[in-house]
Protein backbone atom coordinates (compact mmCIF):
# COMPACT_ATOMS: atom_id res chain seq x y z
CA MET A 1 0.50 3.76 -19.28
CA TYR A 2 1.03 0.03 -18.77
CA VAL A 3 1.29 -0.99 -15.10
CA ASP A 4 2.63 -4.02 -13.37
CA ASP A 5 3.70 -4.78 -9.84
CA SER A 6 6.37 -6.58 -7.92
CA GLY A 7 6.10 -7.83 -4.36
CA ASN A 8 3.25 -8.40 -2.00
CA PRO A 9 0.92 -5.47 -1.03
CA THR A 10 0.39 -7.08 2.44
CA LEU A 11 2.88 -7.24 5.23
CA LYS A 12 3.77 -10.76 4.22
CA GLY A 13 7.16 -11.06 2.70
CA GLY A 14 9.57 -8.34 1.68
CA GLN A 15 10.13 -4.76 2.57
CA TYR A 16 8.49 -3.14 -0.38
CA TYR A 17 5.48 -3.26 -2.68
CA VAL A 18 6.28 -1.70 -6.10
CA LEU A 19 4.00 -0.48 -8.94
CA SER A 20 5.84 0.46 -12.12
CA GLY A 21 4.27 2.27 -15.16
CA ILE A 22 5.58 2.44 -18.62
CA ILE A 23 4.24 5.49 -20.48
CA ILE A 24 4.07 5.06 -24.26
CA HIS A 25 2.65 7.46 -26.71
CA GLU A 26 0.23 5.82 -29.06
CA THR A 27 2.39 6.62 -31.97
CA SER A 28 5.30 4.65 -30.45
CA LEU A 29 3.23 1.59 -29.61
CA ARG A 30 4.00 -0.42 -32.76
CA ASP A 31 7.78 0.44 -32.44
CA ILE A 32 7.78 -0.86 -28.78
CA GLU A 33 6.06 -4.07 -29.86
CA ASN A 34 8.52 -4.57 -32.71
CA ARG A 35 11.57 -3.98 -30.32
CA VAL A 36 10.23 -6.53 -27.81
CA ARG A 37 9.65 -9.14 -30.45
CA HIS A 38 13.12 -8.44 -31.78
CA TYR A 39 14.63 -8.96 -28.35
CA LYS A 40 12.81 -12.25 -27.97
CA GLU A 41 13.85 -13.50 -31.45
CA THR A 42 17.42 -12.66 -30.68
CA ASN A 43 17.64 -13.94 -27.11
CA PHE A 44 14.88 -16.46 -26.41
CA LYS A 45 16.15 -19.71 -27.99
CA GLY A 46 15.31 -23.43 -27.84
CA LEU A 47 12.84 -24.49 -25.21
CA TYR A 48 12.00 -21.00 -24.18
CA ALA A 49 11.51 -19.44 -27.58
CA ASN A 50 8.32 -17.29 -27.81
CA LYS A 51 7.98 -17.27 -23.96
CA GLU A 52 6.71 -14.28 -22.07
CA ILE A 53 9.26 -11.82 -20.57
CA HIS A 54 9.11 -12.36 -16.78
CA ALA A 55 11.95 -10.81 -14.98
CA TYR A 56 11.48 -12.67 -11.70
CA TYR A 57 11.59 -16.08 -13.49
CA MET A 58 14.47 -15.01 -15.64
CA TYR A 59 16.56 -14.03 -12.58
CA GLN A 60 15.54 -16.90 -10.34
CA GLY A 61 15.60 -19.63 -12.99
CA GLU A 62 12.01 -20.60 -12.54
CA GLY A 63 8.91 -21.12 -14.61
CA ASP A 64 9.80 -21.10 -18.36
CA PHE A 65 13.33 -20.45 -17.54
CA LYS A 66 14.05 -23.23 -15.00
CA ASP A 67 16.43 -25.12 -17.28
CA ILE A 68 18.52 -22.06 -18.26
CA ASP A 69 22.01 -21.80 -16.55
CA PRO A 70 22.71 -18.77 -14.36
CA ARG A 71 25.26 -17.26 -16.79
CA SER A 72 22.81 -17.38 -19.70
CA ARG A 73 20.04 -15.82 -17.54
CA ILE A 74 22.32 -12.97 -16.61
CA VAL A 75 22.92 -12.35 -20.40
CA LEU A 76 19.13 -12.39 -20.97
CA LEU A 77 18.53 -9.79 -18.25
CA ARG A 78 21.42 -7.56 -19.32
CA ASN A 79 20.24 -7.53 -22.92
CA LEU A 80 16.67 -6.95 -21.79
CA TYR A 81 17.52 -3.81 -19.86
CA THR A 82 19.88 -2.69 -22.57
CA SER A 83 17.04 -2.89 -25.06
CA MET A 84 14.73 -1.04 -22.68
CA SER A 85 17.29 1.80 -22.37
CA LEU A 86 16.82 2.45 -26.15
CA MET A 87 12.95 2.35 -26.18
CA PRO A 88 10.79 5.54 -26.48
CA ILE A 89 9.33 5.04 -22.99
CA THR A 90 9.05 6.98 -19.78
CA ILE A 91 9.08 5.00 -16.42
CA ILE A 92 7.30 5.98 -13.22
CA SER A 93 7.88 3.68 -10.26
CA VAL A 94 6.39 3.74 -6.69
CA GLY A 95 7.91 1.86 -3.84
CA ILE A 96 5.85 1.53 -0.67
CA GLU A 97 7.79 0.59 2.51
CA LYS A 98 5.12 -1.56 3.97
CA ARG A 99 6.13 -1.69 7.68
CA LEU A 100 7.09 1.96 7.76
CA ILE A 101 3.69 3.00 6.41
CA GLN A 102 2.01 0.77 8.88
CA ASN A 103 3.93 2.48 11.78
CA ALA A 104 3.82 6.03 10.50
CA PHE A 105 0.42 6.06 8.77
CA PRO A 106 -1.57 3.15 10.27
CA TYR A 107 -4.80 4.17 8.49
CA TRP A 108 -3.17 4.10 5.03
CA ASN A 109 -3.57 1.07 2.81
CA PRO A 110 -0.29 0.32 1.06
CA LEU A 111 -2.10 -0.74 -2.18
CA ARG A 112 -4.37 2.31 -2.35
CA ALA A 113 -1.37 4.62 -1.56
CA ALA A 114 0.68 3.09 -4.43
CA TRP A 115 -2.22 3.61 -6.85
CA ILE A 116 -2.72 7.21 -5.79
CA PHE A 117 0.94 8.06 -6.25
CA ILE A 118 1.37 6.49 -9.60
CA THR A 119 -1.88 7.98 -10.96
CA GLU A 120 -0.95 11.47 -9.78
CA ARG A 121 2.40 11.22 -11.56
CA PHE A 122 1.02 9.93 -14.72
CA ASP A 123 -1.49 12.81 -14.91
CA ARG A 124 1.36 15.28 -14.16
CA TYR A 125 3.48 13.70 -16.89
CA ILE A 126 0.69 14.23 -19.49
CA SER A 127 0.17 17.82 -18.39
CA GLU A 128 3.90 18.59 -18.55
CA ASN A 129 4.46 16.97 -21.89
CA SER A 130 1.20 17.80 -23.74
CA MET A 131 1.07 20.17 -26.69
CA ASN A 132 -2.70 19.88 -26.73
CA SER A 133 -5.08 20.36 -23.74
CA LEU A 134 -7.16 17.55 -25.17
CA ASP A 135 -4.41 14.96 -24.76
CA LYS A 136 -5.43 12.13 -22.48
CA GLY A 137 -4.09 8.77 -21.19
CA ILE A 138 -5.40 5.54 -20.08
CA ILE A 139 -4.04 3.07 -17.49
CA MET A 140 -3.62 -0.62 -18.54
CA ILE A 141 -2.95 -3.10 -15.73
CA ASP A 142 -1.60 -6.54 -15.84
CA LYS A 143 -4.30 -9.11 -14.99
CA GLY A 144 -1.76 -11.26 -13.31
CA SER A 145 -0.55 -8.68 -10.80
CA ARG A 146 -1.09 -8.91 -7.02
CA SER A 147 -2.96 -5.59 -7.23
CA SER A 148 -6.68 -6.05 -6.54
CA ASP A 149 -8.79 -5.22 -9.65
CA LYS A 150 -11.37 -3.68 -7.27
CA VAL A 151 -8.87 -1.59 -5.33
CA ALA A 152 -7.14 -0.19 -8.44
CA THR A 153 -10.38 0.58 -10.24
CA SER A 154 -11.88 2.17 -7.06
CA VAL A 155 -8.86 4.46 -6.47
CA ILE A 156 -8.44 5.52 -10.00
CA ASN A 157 -12.20 6.21 -10.61
CA HIS A 158 -12.35 8.15 -7.29
CA ILE A 159 -9.41 10.43 -7.87
CA ARG A 160 -10.43 11.03 -11.50
CA LYS A 161 -13.74 12.28 -10.20
CA ASN A 162 -12.74 14.04 -7.02
CA GLY A 163 -8.86 14.60 -7.24
CA SER A 164 -6.44 13.44 -4.75
CA ASN A 165 -5.18 15.38 -1.65
CA THR A 166 -2.63 17.27 -3.71
CA GLN A 167 -4.16 17.66 -7.25
CA GLN A 168 -6.96 17.31 -9.72
CA ILE A 169 -6.73 14.53 -12.22
CA ASN A 170 -7.64 16.05 -15.62
CA HIS A 171 -5.80 13.85 -18.22
CA ILE A 172 -6.77 10.29 -17.41
CA ILE A 173 -9.85 8.86 -19.21
CA GLU A 174 -12.03 5.89 -18.59
CA GLU A 175 -11.64 3.07 -16.04
CA PRO A 176 -8.41 1.15 -16.10
CA VAL A 177 -8.24 -1.74 -18.46
CA PHE A 178 -6.96 -5.16 -17.36
CA ILE A 179 -5.11 -7.23 -19.86
CA SER A 180 -2.83 -10.27 -19.77
CA SER A 181 0.81 -9.64 -20.02
CA ALA A 182 1.08 -12.81 -22.20
CA VAL A 183 -0.55 -10.91 -25.09
CA SER A 184 0.96 -7.43 -24.44
CA GLU A 185 4.61 -6.68 -25.14
CA PRO A 186 4.52 -3.27 -23.38
CA MET A 187 3.12 -4.97 -20.22
CA GLN A 188 6.07 -7.42 -20.21
CA ILE A 189 8.37 -4.30 -20.15
CA ALA A 190 6.37 -2.97 -17.16
CA ASP A 191 7.01 -6.30 -15.44
CA ALA A 192 10.76 -5.94 -16.12
CA SER A 193 10.66 -2.34 -14.71
CA ALA A 194 8.72 -3.29 -11.59
CA TYR A 195 11.11 -6.11 -10.74
CA CYS A 196 14.17 -3.97 -11.39
CA THR A 197 12.89 -1.29 -9.16
CA MET A 198 12.13 -3.80 -6.39
CA LYS A 199 15.62 -5.19 -6.58
CA TYR A 200 17.21 -1.78 -6.80
CA LEU A 201 15.46 -0.64 -3.68
CA THR A 202 16.69 -3.65 -1.75
CA ASN A 203 20.28 -2.98 -3.07
CA ALA A 204 20.65 -6.18 -5.04
CA SER A 205 24.00 -5.74 -6.74
CA LYS A 206 23.25 -6.94 -10.19
CA PHE A 207 20.04 -4.97 -10.45
CA VAL A 208 21.85 -1.76 -9.33
CA ASN A 209 23.59 -2.13 -12.66
CA TYR A 210 20.40 -2.80 -14.52
CA TRP A 211 18.84 0.18 -12.94
CA ASP A 212 21.71 2.31 -14.23
CA MET A 213 20.88 1.07 -17.68
CA ILE A 214 17.26 2.28 -17.53
CA TYR A 215 17.78 5.33 -15.39
CA ASN A 216 17.64 7.64 -18.42
CA LYS A 217 14.02 6.51 -18.95
CA LEU A 218 12.68 7.55 -15.55
CA ARG A 219 10.53 10.68 -15.45
CA LYS A 220 12.61 13.63 -14.12
CA GLY A 221 11.92 16.85 -12.56
CA PRO A 222 13.02 20.29 -13.83
CA ASN A 223 16.50 19.82 -12.31
CA GLY A 224 16.93 16.31 -13.58
CA ASN A 225 16.06 14.69 -10.28
CA ILE A 226 13.99 11.47 -10.44
CA ILE A 227 13.00 11.45 -6.63
CA GLY A 228 9.35 12.20 -6.42
CA TYR A 229 9.05 12.26 -10.18
CA GLY A 230 10.00 8.94 -11.78
CA LEU A 231 10.70 7.22 -8.41
CA LYS A 232 8.39 7.77 -5.46
CA VAL A 233 9.36 5.98 -2.31
CA PHE A 234 6.85 6.24 0.59
CA PRO A 235 7.16 7.00 3.51
CA ARG A 236 10.96 7.47 3.25
CA LYS A 237 11.98 10.78 1.79
CA GLU A 238 15.38 9.63 0.59
CA VAL A 239 16.64 6.64 -1.32
CA MET A 240 20.13 5.40 -2.23
CA TRP A 241 20.51 7.21 -5.48
């Protein structure tokens, strides 16, 4: 699972902190890389050819995309999320409502809570979809995320050894690996998922449409519901969907 974040895990700025994980079976990794490269070859032209996918910069017209007009940037994002909707991936996103967690659970750290929730759901996904009890997964994290290396490593290693409050973690191996999104096409897709989740949770109109495009890729429960499965919002029990 490739994980990136969106937002600030502290109380500064914004309502949410989001972690988003893209689950890819090792047999599909080359396919994903090829699809991302094809998207770039088809859509990234001129001055921004070969640039990294970074949904925030693409939407805001900043960084490598600062000279791209708004209409062209909308096309870039629409084509990106359309491409994601066709990829062999499963998405798990966690949104932490920072002020609510401070008020309702003052001893909870938003960053630690987010890592617990996403690790639990990744482990459950492997258990639910494994044909072999020996199937395992590893967590890859973007080096450039706002998530502290120490916090993520500490949380994941602790619950791998001791379990969480709700379950044992039996299918995740090794410490998390930190890699640069600049050299990882799947991590760039995690970035796009994290930003889309953030904007969806804040009801940004364009991203509600993009969310609809990738909705079929979210992990779902037995009744097809994503709440608590592919989308965990804490501490709220309900979201807009």
